[in-house]
Each structure stands twice: as structure tokens, then as C-alpha cells.
Amino acid sequence: ESGTGKDVAAQALHALSGRAAGPLVIVDCGAIPAT
């Protein structure tokens, strides 16, 4: 559900991975016009 912390979980996956030194880029499809 909304507000359960999915974005924080994604950040945790990145921080715990071997990619932590690389970029974490976020795209929110719900906040960008479809076009």
C-alpha cells in the first residue's frame, strides 16, 4: 500500500549492494506526464 516504505526499501537494497558507490536514480511514473 501507499506509505509502507517501498521507496526506503529500494534505497536499502541499493545501500546494501555492491553498487552503493554508484548512482541511485529515481523515476516516479505517477508524477511525470505520460508524454
All heavy atoms as atom14 arrays in JSON, in Angstrom:
{
  "sequence": "ESGTGKDVAAQALHALSGRAAGPLVIVDCGAIPAT",
  "atom14_mask": [
    [1, 1, 1, 1, 1, 1, 1, 1, 1, 0, 0, 0, 0, 0],
    [1, 1, 1, 1, 1, 1, 0, 0, 0, 0, 0, 0, 0, 0],
    [1, 1, 1, 1, 0, 0, 0, 0, 0, 0, 0, 0, 0, 0],
    [1, 1, 1, 1, 1, 1, 1, 0, 0, 0, 0, 0, 0, 0],
    [1, 1, 1, 1, 0, 0, 0, 0, 0, 0, 0, 0, 0, 0],
    [1, 1, 1, 1, 1, 1, 1, 1, 1, 0, 0, 0, 0, 0],
    [1, 1, 1, 1, 1, 1, 1, 1, 0, 0, 0, 0, 0, 0],
    [1, 1, 1, 1, 1, 1, 1, 0, 0, 0, 0, 0, 0, 0],
    [1, 1, 1, 1, 1, 0, 0, 0, 0, 0, 0, 0, 0, 0],
    [1, 1, 1, 1, 1, 0, 0, 0, 0, 0, 0, 0, 0, 0],
    [1, 1, 1, 1, 1, 1, 1, 1, 1, 0, 0, 0, 0, 0],
    [1, 1, 1, 1, 1, 0, 0, 0, 0, 0, 0, 0, 0, 0],
    [1, 1, 1, 1, 1, 1, 1, 1, 0, 0, 0, 0, 0, 0],
    [1, 1, 1, 1, 1, 1, 1, 1, 1, 1, 0, 0, 0, 0],
    [1, 1, 1, 1, 1, 0, 0, 0, 0, 0, 0, 0, 0, 0],
    [1, 1, 1, 1, 1, 1, 1, 1, 0, 0, 0, 0, 0, 0],
    [1, 1, 1, 1, 1, 1, 0, 0, 0, 0, 0, 0, 0, 0],
    [1, 1, 1, 1, 0, 0, 0, 0, 0, 0, 0, 0, 0, 0],
    [1, 1, 1, 1, 1, 1, 1, 1, 1, 1, 1, 0, 0, 0],
    [1, 1, 1, 1, 1, 0, 0, 0, 0, 0, 0, 0, 0, 0],
    [1, 1, 1, 1, 1, 0, 0, 0, 0, 0, 0, 0, 0, 0],
    [1, 1, 1, 1, 0, 0, 0, 0, 0, 0, 0, 0, 0, 0],
    [1, 1, 1, 1, 1, 1, 1, 0, 0, 0, 0, 0, 0, 0],
    [1, 1, 1, 1, 1, 1, 1, 1, 0, 0, 0, 0, 0, 0],
    [1, 1, 1, 1, 1, 1, 1, 0, 0, 0, 0, 0, 0, 0],
    [1, 1, 1, 1, 1, 1, 1, 1, 0, 0, 0, 0, 0, 0],
    [1, 1, 1, 1, 1, 1, 1, 0, 0, 0, 0, 0, 0, 0],
    [1, 1, 1, 1, 1, 1, 1, 1, 0, 0, 0, 0, 0, 0],
    [1, 1, 1, 1, 1, 1, 0, 0, 0, 0, 0, 0, 0, 0],
    [1, 1, 1, 1, 0, 0, 0, 0, 0, 0, 0, 0, 0, 0],
    [1, 1, 1, 1, 1, 0, 0, 0, 0, 0, 0, 0, 0, 0],
    [1, 1, 1, 1, 1, 1, 1, 1, 0, 0, 0, 0, 0, 0],
    [1, 1, 1, 1, 1, 1, 1, 0, 0, 0, 0, 0, 0, 0],
    [1, 1, 1, 1, 1, 0, 0, 0, 0, 0, 0, 0, 0, 0],
    [1, 1, 1, 1, 1, 1, 1, 0, 0, 0, 0, 0, 0, 0]
  ],
  "atom14_positions": [
    [[0.83, -1.2, 0.0], [0.0, 0.0, 0.0], [0.87, 1.26, 0.0], [2.05, 1.22, 0.34], [-0.91, 0.0, 1.24], [-1.88, -1.16, 1.3], [-2.68, -1.17, 2.6], [-2.6, -0.17, 3.35], [-3.35, -2.17, 2.87], [0.0, 0.0, 0.0], [0.0, 0.0, 0.0], [0.0, 0.0, 0.0], [0.0, 0.0, 0.0], [0.0, 0.0, 0.0]],
    [[0.25, 2.37, -0.35], [0.94, 3.66, -0.3], [1.37, 3.95, 1.14], [0.61, 3.71, 2.08], [0.03, 4.78, -0.8], [-0.24, 4.62, -2.17], [0.0, 0.0, 0.0], [0.0, 0.0, 0.0], [0.0, 0.0, 0.0], [0.0, 0.0, 0.0], [0.0, 0.0, 0.0], [0.0, 0.0, 0.0], [0.0, 0.0, 0.0], [0.0, 0.0, 0.0]],
    [[2.58, 4.47, 1.28], [3.05, 4.86, 2.6], [3.71, 3.76, 3.4], [4.06, 3.97, 4.56], [0.0, 0.0, 0.0], [0.0, 0.0, 0.0], [0.0, 0.0, 0.0], [0.0, 0.0, 0.0], [0.0, 0.0, 0.0], [0.0, 0.0, 0.0], [0.0, 0.0, 0.0], [0.0, 0.0, 0.0], [0.0, 0.0, 0.0], [0.0, 0.0, 0.0]],
    [[3.92, 2.57, 2.81], [4.52, 1.47, 3.57], [6.05, 1.48, 3.54], [6.68, 0.66, 4.2], [4.02, 0.11, 3.05], [4.17, 0.05, 1.63], [2.56, -0.1, 3.41], [0.0, 0.0, 0.0], [0.0, 0.0, 0.0], [0.0, 0.0, 0.0], [0.0, 0.0, 0.0], [0.0, 0.0, 0.0], [0.0, 0.0, 0.0], [0.0, 0.0, 0.0]],
    [[6.64, 2.37, 2.77], [8.1, 2.48, 2.76], [8.78, 1.76, 1.62], [9.95, 1.37, 1.73], [0.0, 0.0, 0.0], [0.0, 0.0, 0.0], [0.0, 0.0, 0.0], [0.0, 0.0, 0.0], [0.0, 0.0, 0.0], [0.0, 0.0, 0.0], [0.0, 0.0, 0.0], [0.0, 0.0, 0.0], [0.0, 0.0, 0.0], [0.0, 0.0, 0.0]],
    [[8.1, 1.63, 0.49], [8.71, 0.95, -0.66], [9.93, 1.72, -1.16], [10.92, 1.13, -1.58], [7.68, 0.78, -1.78], [6.5, -0.11, -1.38], [5.54, -0.35, -2.54], [4.8, 0.89, -2.99], [3.84, 1.39, -1.96], [0.0, 0.0, 0.0], [0.0, 0.0, 0.0], [0.0, 0.0, 0.0], [0.0, 0.0, 0.0], [0.0, 0.0, 0.0]],
    [[9.85, 3.06, -1.13], [10.99, 3.87, -1.57], [12.19, 3.68, -0.65], [13.34, 3.62, -1.11], [10.6, 5.34, -1.66], [10.01, 5.88, -0.37], [9.54, 5.08, 0.47], [10.02, 7.12, -0.18], [0.0, 0.0, 0.0], [0.0, 0.0, 0.0], [0.0, 0.0, 0.0], [0.0, 0.0, 0.0], [0.0, 0.0, 0.0], [0.0, 0.0, 0.0]],
    [[11.94, 3.57, 0.66], [13.04, 3.35, 1.61], [13.63, 1.96, 1.42], [14.85, 1.76, 1.53], [12.55, 3.54, 3.06], [13.73, 3.45, 4.03], [11.85, 4.88, 3.22], [0.0, 0.0, 0.0], [0.0, 0.0, 0.0], [0.0, 0.0, 0.0], [0.0, 0.0, 0.0], [0.0, 0.0, 0.0], [0.0, 0.0, 0.0], [0.0, 0.0, 0.0]],
    [[12.78, 0.99, 1.1], [13.28, -0.36, 0.83], [14.18, -0.37, -0.4], [15.19, -1.08, -0.43], [12.11, -1.33, 0.66], [0.0, 0.0, 0.0], [0.0, 0.0, 0.0], [0.0, 0.0, 0.0], [0.0, 0.0, 0.0], [0.0, 0.0, 0.0], [0.0, 0.0, 0.0], [0.0, 0.0, 0.0], [0.0, 0.0, 0.0], [0.0, 0.0, 0.0]],
    [[13.81, 0.38, -1.43], [14.65, 0.48, -2.63], [16.0, 1.1, -2.29], [17.05, 0.64, -2.77], [13.93, 1.29, -3.7], [0.0, 0.0, 0.0], [0.0, 0.0, 0.0], [0.0, 0.0, 0.0], [0.0, 0.0, 0.0], [0.0, 0.0, 0.0], [0.0, 0.0, 0.0], [0.0, 0.0, 0.0], [0.0, 0.0, 0.0], [0.0, 0.0, 0.0]],
    [[15.98, 2.14, -1.46], [17.24, 2.77, -1.05], [18.09, 1.79, -0.24], [19.32, 1.76, -0.38], [16.95, 4.02, -0.24], [16.29, 5.14, -1.04], [15.76, 6.26, -0.16], [16.27, 6.49, 0.92], [14.73, 6.94, -0.64], [0.0, 0.0, 0.0], [0.0, 0.0, 0.0], [0.0, 0.0, 0.0], [0.0, 0.0, 0.0], [0.0, 0.0, 0.0]],
    [[17.43, 0.97, 0.58], [18.15, -0.03, 1.37], [18.8, -1.07, 0.47], [19.97, -1.46, 0.68], [17.2, -0.7, 2.36], [0.0, 0.0, 0.0], [0.0, 0.0, 0.0], [0.0, 0.0, 0.0], [0.0, 0.0, 0.0], [0.0, 0.0, 0.0], [0.0, 0.0, 0.0], [0.0, 0.0, 0.0], [0.0, 0.0, 0.0], [0.0, 0.0, 0.0]],
    [[18.09, -1.53, -0.55], [18.65, -2.5, -1.49], [19.89, -1.93, -2.17], [20.9, -2.63, -2.34], [17.61, -2.89, -2.54], [16.59, -3.95, -2.15], [15.47, -4.03, -3.18], [17.26, -5.31, -1.97], [0.0, 0.0, 0.0], [0.0, 0.0, 0.0], [0.0, 0.0, 0.0], [0.0, 0.0, 0.0], [0.0, 0.0, 0.0], [0.0, 0.0, 0.0]],
    [[19.82, -0.67, -2.55], [20.98, -0.03, -3.18], [22.14, 0.1, -2.2], [23.29, -0.22, -2.53], [20.58, 1.34, -3.72], [21.71, 2.1, -4.33], [22.27, 1.78, -5.54], [22.4, 3.2, -3.87], [23.26, 2.62, -5.82], [23.35, 3.49, -4.82], [0.0, 0.0, 0.0], [0.0, 0.0, 0.0], [0.0, 0.0, 0.0], [0.0, 0.0, 0.0]],
    [[21.83, 0.55, -0.99], [22.89, 0.78, 0.01], [23.59, -0.51, 0.42], [24.78, -0.49, 0.75], [22.29, 1.48, 1.23], [0.0, 0.0, 0.0], [0.0, 0.0, 0.0], [0.0, 0.0, 0.0], [0.0, 0.0, 0.0], [0.0, 0.0, 0.0], [0.0, 0.0, 0.0], [0.0, 0.0, 0.0], [0.0, 0.0, 0.0], [0.0, 0.0, 0.0]],
    [[22.87, -1.63, 0.41], [23.45, -2.9, 0.83], [24.16, -3.63, -0.31], [24.8, -4.66, -0.07], [22.35, -3.82, 1.39], [21.65, -3.37, 2.68], [20.46, -4.28, 2.98], [22.63, -3.37, 3.85], [0.0, 0.0, 0.0], [0.0, 0.0, 0.0], [0.0, 0.0, 0.0], [0.0, 0.0, 0.0], [0.0, 0.0, 0.0], [0.0, 0.0, 0.0]],
    [[24.04, -3.11, -1.51], [24.57, -3.81, -2.67], [26.0, -3.37, -3.0], [26.51, -2.39, -2.44], [23.68, -3.55, -3.89], [23.86, -2.23, -4.38], [0.0, 0.0, 0.0], [0.0, 0.0, 0.0], [0.0, 0.0, 0.0], [0.0, 0.0, 0.0], [0.0, 0.0, 0.0], [0.0, 0.0, 0.0], [0.0, 0.0, 0.0], [0.0, 0.0, 0.0]],
    [[26.61, -4.08, -3.93], [27.93, -3.67, -4.42], [27.88, -2.45, -5.3], [28.92, -1.95, -5.73], [0.0, 0.0, 0.0], [0.0, 0.0, 0.0], [0.0, 0.0, 0.0], [0.0, 0.0, 0.0], [0.0, 0.0, 0.0], [0.0, 0.0, 0.0], [0.0, 0.0, 0.0], [0.0, 0.0, 0.0], [0.0, 0.0, 0.0], [0.0, 0.0, 0.0]],
    [[26.69, -1.95, -5.56], [26.52, -0.75, -6.39], [26.38, 0.51, -5.55], [26.08, 1.58, -6.08], [25.27, -0.9, -7.27], [25.32, -2.08, -8.21], [23.98, -2.3, -8.9], [24.05, -3.4, -9.86], [24.36, -3.26, -11.14], [24.6, -2.05, -11.62], [24.42, -4.29, -11.94], [0.0, 0.0, 0.0], [0.0, 0.0, 0.0], [0.0, 0.0, 0.0]],
    [[26.56, 0.4, -4.24], [26.3, 1.52, -3.34], [27.12, 2.76, -3.69], [26.68, 3.89, -3.46], [26.56, 1.1, -1.9], [0.0, 0.0, 0.0], [0.0, 0.0, 0.0], [0.0, 0.0, 0.0], [0.0, 0.0, 0.0], [0.0, 0.0, 0.0], [0.0, 0.0, 0.0], [0.0, 0.0, 0.0], [0.0, 0.0, 0.0], [0.0, 0.0, 0.0]],
    [[28.32, 2.54, -4.27], [29.15, 3.68, -4.65], [28.67, 4.34, -5.93], [29.08, 5.45, -6.26], [30.61, 3.23, -4.82], [0.0, 0.0, 0.0], [0.0, 0.0, 0.0], [0.0, 0.0, 0.0], [0.0, 0.0, 0.0], [0.0, 0.0, 0.0], [0.0, 0.0, 0.0], [0.0, 0.0, 0.0], [0.0, 0.0, 0.0], [0.0, 0.0, 0.0]],
    [[27.8, 3.65, -6.67], [27.26, 4.19, -7.9], [25.99, 4.98, -7.64], [25.52, 5.1, -6.5], [0.0, 0.0, 0.0], [0.0, 0.0, 0.0], [0.0, 0.0, 0.0], [0.0, 0.0, 0.0], [0.0, 0.0, 0.0], [0.0, 0.0, 0.0], [0.0, 0.0, 0.0], [0.0, 0.0, 0.0], [0.0, 0.0, 0.0], [0.0, 0.0, 0.0]],
    [[25.4, 5.54, -8.69], [24.21, 6.39, -8.52], [22.94, 5.59, -8.23], [22.79, 4.44, -8.68], [24.09, 7.12, -9.86], [24.74, 6.18, -10.84], [25.85, 5.49, -10.09], [0.0, 0.0, 0.0], [0.0, 0.0, 0.0], [0.0, 0.0, 0.0], [0.0, 0.0, 0.0], [0.0, 0.0, 0.0], [0.0, 0.0, 0.0], [0.0, 0.0, 0.0]],
    [[22.05, 6.18, -7.46], [20.68, 5.7, -7.3], [19.79, 6.74, -7.96], [19.66, 7.86, -7.47], [20.3, 5.53, -5.83], [18.81, 5.25, -5.55], [18.38, 3.92, -6.17], [18.52, 5.26, -4.05], [0.0, 0.0, 0.0], [0.0, 0.0, 0.0], [0.0, 0.0, 0.0], [0.0, 0.0, 0.0], [0.0, 0.0, 0.0], [0.0, 0.0, 0.0]],
    [[19.19, 6.38, -9.08], [18.35, 7.3, -9.85], [16.89, 6.87, -9.67], [16.57, 5.69, -9.75], [18.73, 7.29, -11.35], [17.83, 8.23, -12.14], [20.19, 7.68, -11.51], [0.0, 0.0, 0.0], [0.0, 0.0, 0.0], [0.0, 0.0, 0.0], [0.0, 0.0, 0.0], [0.0, 0.0, 0.0], [0.0, 0.0, 0.0], [0.0, 0.0, 0.0]],
    [[16.03, 7.85, -9.41], [14.62, 7.58, -9.14], [13.74, 8.19, -10.22], [13.89, 9.36, -10.57], [14.22, 8.14, -7.76], [15.07, 7.5, -6.66], [12.73, 7.9, -7.49], [14.88, 8.12, -5.29], [0.0, 0.0, 0.0], [0.0, 0.0, 0.0], [0.0, 0.0, 0.0], [0.0, 0.0, 0.0], [0.0, 0.0, 0.0], [0.0, 0.0, 0.0]],
    [[12.84, 7.37, -10.75], [11.82, 7.83, -11.7], [10.46, 7.47, -11.12], [10.18, 6.3, -10.87], [11.99, 7.18, -13.09], [10.81, 7.54, -13.98], [13.3, 7.59, -13.73], [0.0, 0.0, 0.0], [0.0, 0.0, 0.0], [0.0, 0.0, 0.0], [0.0, 0.0, 0.0], [0.0, 0.0, 0.0], [0.0, 0.0, 0.0], [0.0, 0.0, 0.0]],
    [[9.62, 8.47, -10.91], [8.27, 8.26, -10.38], [7.29, 8.39, -11.52], [6.94, 9.49, -11.94], [7.97, 9.27, -9.27], [6.62, 9.02, -8.6], [5.85, 8.18, -9.09], [6.34, 9.67, -7.57], [0.0, 0.0, 0.0], [0.0, 0.0, 0.0], [0.0, 0.0, 0.0], [0.0, 0.0, 0.0], [0.0, 0.0, 0.0], [0.0, 0.0, 0.0]],
    [[6.8, 7.25, -12.02], [5.89, 7.27, -13.18], [4.58, 7.95, -12.85], [3.87, 8.42, -13.75], [5.63, 5.84, -13.66], [7.08, 5.03, -14.35], [0.0, 0.0, 0.0], [0.0, 0.0, 0.0], [0.0, 0.0, 0.0], [0.0, 0.0, 0.0], [0.0, 0.0, 0.0], [0.0, 0.0, 0.0], [0.0, 0.0, 0.0], [0.0, 0.0, 0.0]],
    [[4.22, 8.01, -11.57], [2.98, 8.65, -11.19], [3.06, 10.16, -11.15], [2.03, 10.84, -11.08], [0.0, 0.0, 0.0], [0.0, 0.0, 0.0], [0.0, 0.0, 0.0], [0.0, 0.0, 0.0], [0.0, 0.0, 0.0], [0.0, 0.0, 0.0], [0.0, 0.0, 0.0], [0.0, 0.0, 0.0], [0.0, 0.0, 0.0], [0.0, 0.0, 0.0]],
    [[4.27, 10.71, -11.17], [4.45, 12.15, -11.06], [4.9, 12.8, -12.36], [5.1, 14.02, -12.41], [5.46, 12.47, -9.96], [0.0, 0.0, 0.0], [0.0, 0.0, 0.0], [0.0, 0.0, 0.0], [0.0, 0.0, 0.0], [0.0, 0.0, 0.0], [0.0, 0.0, 0.0], [0.0, 0.0, 0.0], [0.0, 0.0, 0.0], [0.0, 0.0, 0.0]],
    [[5.07, 12.0, -13.42], [5.55, 12.51, -14.71], [4.44, 12.37, -15.74], [3.82, 11.31, -15.85], [6.79, 11.72, -15.18], [7.89, 11.77, -14.12], [7.31, 12.27, -16.51], [9.05, 10.84, -14.43], [0.0, 0.0, 0.0], [0.0, 0.0, 0.0], [0.0, 0.0, 0.0], [0.0, 0.0, 0.0], [0.0, 0.0, 0.0], [0.0, 0.0, 0.0]],
    [[4.16, 13.42, -16.52], [3.15, 13.28, -17.59], [3.51, 12.13, -18.51], [4.68, 11.91, -18.83], [3.23, 14.63, -18.31], [3.78, 15.59, -17.3], [4.72, 14.78, -16.45], [0.0, 0.0, 0.0], [0.0, 0.0, 0.0], [0.0, 0.0, 0.0], [0.0, 0.0, 0.0], [0.0, 0.0, 0.0], [0.0, 0.0, 0.0], [0.0, 0.0, 0.0]],
    [[2.5, 11.4, -18.95], [2.72, 10.2, -19.77], [3.55, 10.51, -21.01], [4.35, 9.68, -21.46], [1.38, 9.59, -20.16], [0.0, 0.0, 0.0], [0.0, 0.0, 0.0], [0.0, 0.0, 0.0], [0.0, 0.0, 0.0], [0.0, 0.0, 0.0], [0.0, 0.0, 0.0], [0.0, 0.0, 0.0], [0.0, 0.0, 0.0], [0.0, 0.0, 0.0]],
    [[3.38, 11.71, -21.56], [4.1, 12.06, -22.78], [5.59, 12.28, -22.55], [6.37, 12.3, -23.5], [3.51, 13.34, -23.39], [3.5, 14.38, -22.39], [2.09, 13.09, -23.87], [0.0, 0.0, 0.0], [0.0, 0.0, 0.0], [0.0, 0.0, 0.0], [0.0, 0.0, 0.0], [0.0, 0.0, 0.0], [0.0, 0.0, 0.0], [0.0, 0.0, 0.0]]
  ]
}
